[in-house]
Amino acid sequence: MTDAQIGLLTATPLIVVFAIMLYRMGVLRLTGTLTAVAMSVAIAGVLFLTQ
């Protein structure tokens, strides 16, 4: 596993947790939260597989 893949495995859950925290604080709507989570997982998946 490369350093880039380890970084993706570390950063993606942090982005997801941050988006959920922003939703709980009322900063993001549910659709924005779901979009942020889905896009970060999709981008991380594509980058992970192409590394």
PDB file of N, CA and C in Angstrom:
ATOM      1  N   MET A   1       0.847  -1.170   0.000  1.00  0.00           N
ATOM      2  CA  MET A   1       0.000   0.000   0.000  1.00  0.00           C
ATOM      3  C   MET A   1       0.894   1.236   0.000  1.00  0.00           C
ATOM      4  N   THR A   2       0.598   2.162  -0.888  1.00  0.00           N
ATOM      5  CA  THR A   2       1.428   3.358  -1.019  1.00  0.00           C
ATOM      6  C   THR A   2       1.033   4.413   0.012  1.00  0.00           C
ATOM      7  N   ASP A   3       1.858   5.419   0.119  1.00  0.00           N
ATOM      8  CA  ASP A   3       1.569   6.518   1.041  1.00  0.00           C
ATOM      9  C   ASP A   3       0.291   7.253   0.642  1.00  0.00           C
ATOM     10  N   ALA A   4       0.051   7.371  -0.651  1.00  0.00           N
ATOM     11  CA  ALA A   4      -1.158   8.050  -1.125  1.00  0.00           C
ATOM     12  C   ALA A   4      -2.407   7.273  -0.718  1.00  0.00           C
ATOM     13  N   GLN A   5      -2.365   5.970  -0.796  1.00  0.00           N
ATOM     14  CA  GLN A   5      -3.519   5.160  -0.408  1.00  0.00           C
ATOM     15  C   GLN A   5      -3.767   5.247   1.097  1.00  0.00           C
ATOM     16  N   ILE A   6      -2.707   5.261   1.870  1.00  0.00           N
ATOM     17  CA  ILE A   6      -2.856   5.409   3.318  1.00  0.00           C
ATOM     18  C   ILE A   6      -3.456   6.776   3.638  1.00  0.00           C
ATOM     19  N   GLY A   7      -3.021   7.793   2.923  1.00  0.00           N
ATOM     20  CA  GLY A   7      -3.591   9.125   3.113  1.00  0.00           C
ATOM     21  C   GLY A   7      -5.068   9.169   2.772  1.00  0.00           C
ATOM     22  N   LEU A   8      -5.466   8.487   1.703  1.00  0.00           N
ATOM     23  CA  LEU A   8      -6.883   8.437   1.343  1.00  0.00           C
ATOM     24  C   LEU A   8      -7.697   7.712   2.407  1.00  0.00           C
ATOM     25  N   LEU A   9      -7.151   6.624   2.937  1.00  0.00           N
ATOM     26  CA  LEU A   9      -7.859   5.878   3.984  1.00  0.00           C
ATOM     27  C   LEU A   9      -7.951   6.670   5.283  1.00  0.00           C
ATOM     28  N   THR A  10      -7.062   7.623   5.471  1.00  0.00           N
ATOM     29  CA  THR A  10      -7.097   8.461   6.661  1.00  0.00           C
ATOM     30  C   THR A  10      -7.998   9.683   6.467  1.00  0.00           C
ATOM     31  N   ALA A  11      -7.901  10.309   5.317  1.00  0.00           N
ATOM     32  CA  ALA A  11      -8.608  11.569   5.098  1.00  0.00           C
ATOM     33  C   ALA A  11     -10.101  11.382   4.839  1.00  0.00           C
ATOM     34  N   THR A  12     -10.472  10.332   4.147  1.00  0.00           N
ATOM     35  CA  THR A  12     -11.886  10.158   3.785  1.00  0.00           C
ATOM     36  C   THR A  12     -12.796  10.027   5.009  1.00  0.00           C
ATOM     37  N   PRO A  13     -12.460   9.185   5.992  1.00  0.00           N
ATOM     38  CA  PRO A  13     -13.331   9.136   7.179  1.00  0.00           C
ATOM     39  C   PRO A  13     -13.390  10.466   7.923  1.00  0.00           C
ATOM     40  N   LEU A  14     -12.295  11.212   7.914  1.00  0.00           N
ATOM     41  CA  LEU A  14     -12.321  12.522   8.565  1.00  0.00           C
ATOM     42  C   LEU A  14     -13.274  13.480   7.865  1.00  0.00           C
ATOM     43  N   ILE A  15     -13.299  13.445   6.541  1.00  0.00           N
ATOM     44  CA  ILE A  15     -14.218  14.284   5.783  1.00  0.00           C
ATOM     45  C   ILE A  15     -15.656  13.893   6.081  1.00  0.00           C
ATOM     46  N   VAL A  16     -15.923  12.594   6.148  1.00  0.00           N
ATOM     47  CA  VAL A  16     -17.275  12.109   6.439  1.00  0.00           C
ATOM     48  C   VAL A  16     -17.708  12.545   7.833  1.00  0.00           C
ATOM     49  N   VAL A  17     -16.842  12.378   8.817  1.00  0.00           N
ATOM     50  CA  VAL A  17     -17.172  12.783  10.192  1.00  0.00           C
ATOM     51  C   VAL A  17     -17.394  14.290  10.263  1.00  0.00           C
ATOM     52  N   PHE A  18     -16.569  15.055   9.577  1.00  0.00           N
ATOM     53  CA  PHE A  18     -16.714  16.507   9.579  1.00  0.00           C
ATOM     54  C   PHE A  18     -18.041  16.924   8.952  1.00  0.00           C
ATOM     55  N   ALA A  19     -18.429  16.278   7.856  1.00  0.00           N
ATOM     56  CA  ALA A  19     -19.707  16.605   7.215  1.00  0.00           C
ATOM     57  C   ALA A  19     -20.873  16.274   8.135  1.00  0.00           C
ATOM     58  N   ILE A  20     -20.800  15.156   8.833  1.00  0.00           N
ATOM     59  CA  ILE A  20     -21.874  14.778   9.762  1.00  0.00           C
ATOM     60  C   ILE A  20     -21.938  15.760  10.933  1.00  0.00           C
ATOM     61  N   MET A  21     -20.783  16.194  11.422  1.00  0.00           N
ATOM     62  CA  MET A  21     -20.779  17.182  12.499  1.00  0.00           C
ATOM     63  C   MET A  21     -21.390  18.501  12.045  1.00  0.00           C
ATOM     64  N   LEU A  22     -21.088  18.921  10.825  1.00  0.00           N
ATOM     65  CA  LEU A  22     -21.682  20.156  10.306  1.00  0.00           C
ATOM     66  C   LEU A  22     -23.188  20.015  10.153  1.00  0.00           C
ATOM     67  N   TYR A  23     -23.650  18.834   9.777  1.00  0.00           N
ATOM     68  CA  TYR A  23     -25.096  18.602   9.672  1.00  0.00           C
ATOM     69  C   TYR A  23     -25.741  18.683  11.059  1.00  0.00           C
ATOM     70  N   ARG A  24     -25.120  18.089  12.045  1.00  0.00           N
ATOM     71  CA  ARG A  24     -25.685  18.121  13.405  1.00  0.00           C
ATOM     72  C   ARG A  24     -25.707  19.523  13.994  1.00  0.00           C
ATOM     73  N   MET A  25     -24.752  20.360  13.577  1.00  0.00           N
ATOM     74  CA  MET A  25     -24.720  21.737  14.064  1.00  0.00           C
ATOM     75  C   MET A  25     -25.698  22.626  13.299  1.00  0.00           C
ATOM     76  N   GLY A  26     -26.275  22.108  12.217  1.00  0.00           N
ATOM     77  CA  GLY A  26     -27.236  22.878  11.451  1.00  0.00           C
ATOM     78  C   GLY A  26     -26.632  23.691  10.326  1.00  0.00           C
ATOM     79  N   VAL A  27     -25.373  23.480  10.038  1.00  0.00           N
ATOM     80  CA  VAL A  27     -24.704  24.240   8.990  1.00  0.00           C
ATOM     81  C   VAL A  27     -25.051  23.686   7.615  1.00  0.00           C
ATOM     82  N   LEU A  28     -25.122  22.355   7.488  1.00  0.00           N
ATOM     83  CA  LEU A  28     -25.447  21.709   6.221  1.00  0.00           C
ATOM     84  C   LEU A  28     -26.839  21.105   6.274  1.00  0.00           C
ATOM     85  N   ARG A  29     -27.485  21.105   5.135  1.00  0.00           N
ATOM     86  CA  ARG A  29     -28.748  20.377   5.008  1.00  0.00           C
ATOM     87  C   ARG A  29     -28.439  18.904   4.780  1.00  0.00           C
ATOM     88  N   LEU A  30     -29.469  18.081   4.880  1.00  0.00           N
ATOM     89  CA  LEU A  30     -29.280  16.646   4.698  1.00  0.00           C
ATOM     90  C   LEU A  30     -28.768  16.327   3.300  1.00  0.00           C
ATOM     91  N   THR A  31     -29.312  16.994   2.279  1.00  0.00           N
ATOM     92  CA  THR A  31     -28.870  16.713   0.914  1.00  0.00           C
ATOM     93  C   THR A  31     -27.410  17.106   0.709  1.00  0.00           C
ATOM     94  N   GLY A  32     -26.984  18.216   1.303  1.00  0.00           N
ATOM     95  CA  GLY A  32     -25.594  18.627   1.205  1.00  0.00           C
ATOM     96  C   GLY A  32     -24.661  17.654   1.912  1.00  0.00           C
ATOM     97  N   THR A  33     -25.115  17.162   3.056  1.00  0.00           N
ATOM     98  CA  THR A  33     -24.321  16.187   3.796  1.00  0.00           C
ATOM     99  C   THR A  33     -24.184  14.896   3.020  1.00  0.00           C
ATOM    100  N   LEU A  34     -25.290  14.405   2.483  1.00  0.00           N
ATOM    101  CA  LEU A  34     -25.245  13.164   1.715  1.00  0.00           C
ATOM    102  C   LEU A  34     -24.397  13.313   0.457  1.00  0.00           C
ATOM    103  N   THR A  35     -24.486  14.466  -0.182  1.00  0.00           N
ATOM    104  CA  THR A  35     -23.673  14.716  -1.366  1.00  0.00           C
ATOM    105  C   THR A  35     -22.187  14.754  -1.013  1.00  0.00           C
ATOM    106  N   ALA A  36     -21.842  15.428   0.059  1.00  0.00           N
ATOM    107  CA  ALA A  36     -20.436  15.515   0.476  1.00  0.00           C
ATOM    108  C   ALA A  36     -19.881  14.138   0.822  1.00  0.00           C
ATOM    109  N   VAL A  37     -20.664  13.348   1.537  1.00  0.00           N
ATOM    110  CA  VAL A  37     -20.211  12.011   1.918  1.00  0.00           C
ATOM    111  C   VAL A  37     -20.072  11.125   0.676  1.00  0.00           C
ATOM    112  N   ALA A  38     -21.075  11.139  -0.185  1.00  0.00           N
ATOM    113  CA  ALA A  38     -21.046  10.282  -1.372  1.00  0.00           C
ATOM    114  C   ALA A  38     -19.897  10.661  -2.304  1.00  0.00           C
ATOM    115  N   MET A  39     -19.692  11.946  -2.525  1.00  0.00           N
ATOM    116  CA  MET A  39     -18.635  12.375  -3.423  1.00  0.00           C
ATOM    117  C   MET A  39     -17.248  12.096  -2.840  1.00  0.00           C
ATOM    118  N   SER A  40     -17.067  12.288  -1.553  1.00  0.00           N
ATOM    119  CA  SER A  40     -15.752  12.020  -0.975  1.00  0.00           C
ATOM    120  C   SER A  40     -15.430  10.527  -1.017  1.00  0.00           C
ATOM    121  N   VAL A  41     -16.428   9.684  -0.786  1.00  0.00           N
ATOM    122  CA  VAL A  41     -16.206   8.233  -0.868  1.00  0.00           C
ATOM    123  C   VAL A  41     -15.940   7.822  -2.317  1.00  0.00           C
ATOM    124  N   ALA A  42     -16.680   8.394  -3.257  1.00  0.00           N
ATOM    125  CA  ALA A  42     -16.486   8.047  -4.664  1.00  0.00           C
ATOM    126  C   ALA A  42     -15.109   8.493  -5.160  1.00  0.00           C
ATOM    127  N   ILE A  43     -14.715   9.704  -4.827  1.00  0.00           N
ATOM    128  CA  ILE A  43     -13.410  10.209  -5.247  1.00  0.00           C
ATOM    129  C   ILE A  43     -12.288   9.390  -4.619  1.00  0.00           C
ATOM    130  N   ALA A  44     -12.425   9.088  -3.325  1.00  0.00           N
ATOM    131  CA  ALA A  44     -11.402   8.286  -2.658  1.00  0.00           C
ATOM    132  C   ALA A  44     -11.323   6.888  -3.268  1.00  0.00           C
ATOM    133  N   GLY A  45     -12.458   6.313  -3.616  1.00  0.00           N
ATOM    134  CA  GLY A  45     -12.466   4.987  -4.225  1.00  0.00           C
ATOM    135  C   GLY A  45     -11.759   4.976  -5.571  1.00  0.00           C
ATOM    136  N   VAL A  46     -12.050   5.968  -6.395  1.00  0.00           N
ATOM    137  CA  VAL A  46     -11.414   6.051  -7.716  1.00  0.00           C
ATOM    138  C   VAL A  46      -9.906   6.275  -7.569  1.00  0.00           C
ATOM    139  N   LEU A  47      -9.521   7.218  -6.704  1.00  0.00           N
ATOM    140  CA  LEU A  47      -8.101   7.484  -6.513  1.00  0.00           C
ATOM    141  C   LEU A  47      -7.379   6.289  -5.898  1.00  0.00           C
ATOM    142  N   PHE A  48      -8.032   5.603  -4.975  1.00  0.00           N
ATOM    143  CA  PHE A  48      -7.414   4.441  -4.344  1.00  0.00           C
ATOM    144  C   PHE A  48      -7.134   3.337  -5.360  1.00  0.00           C
ATOM    145  N   LEU A  49      -8.085   3.120  -6.251  1.00  0.00           N
ATOM    146  CA  LEU A  49      -7.941   2.040  -7.223  1.00  0.00           C
ATOM    147  C   LEU A  49      -6.978   2.388  -8.362  1.00  0.00           C
ATOM    148  N   THR A  50      -6.789   3.676  -8.626  1.00  0.00           N
ATOM    149  CA  THR A  50      -5.897   4.060  -9.722  1.00  0.00           C
ATOM    150  C   THR A  50      -4.471   4.332  -9.264  1.00  0.00           C
ATOM    151  N   GLN A  51      -4.195   4.260  -7.995  1.00  0.00           N
ATOM    152  CA  GLN A  51      -2.843   4.499  -7.478  1.00  0.00           C
ATOM    153  C   GLN A  51      -1.956   3.313  -7.753  1.00  0.00           C
TER     154      GLN A  51
END
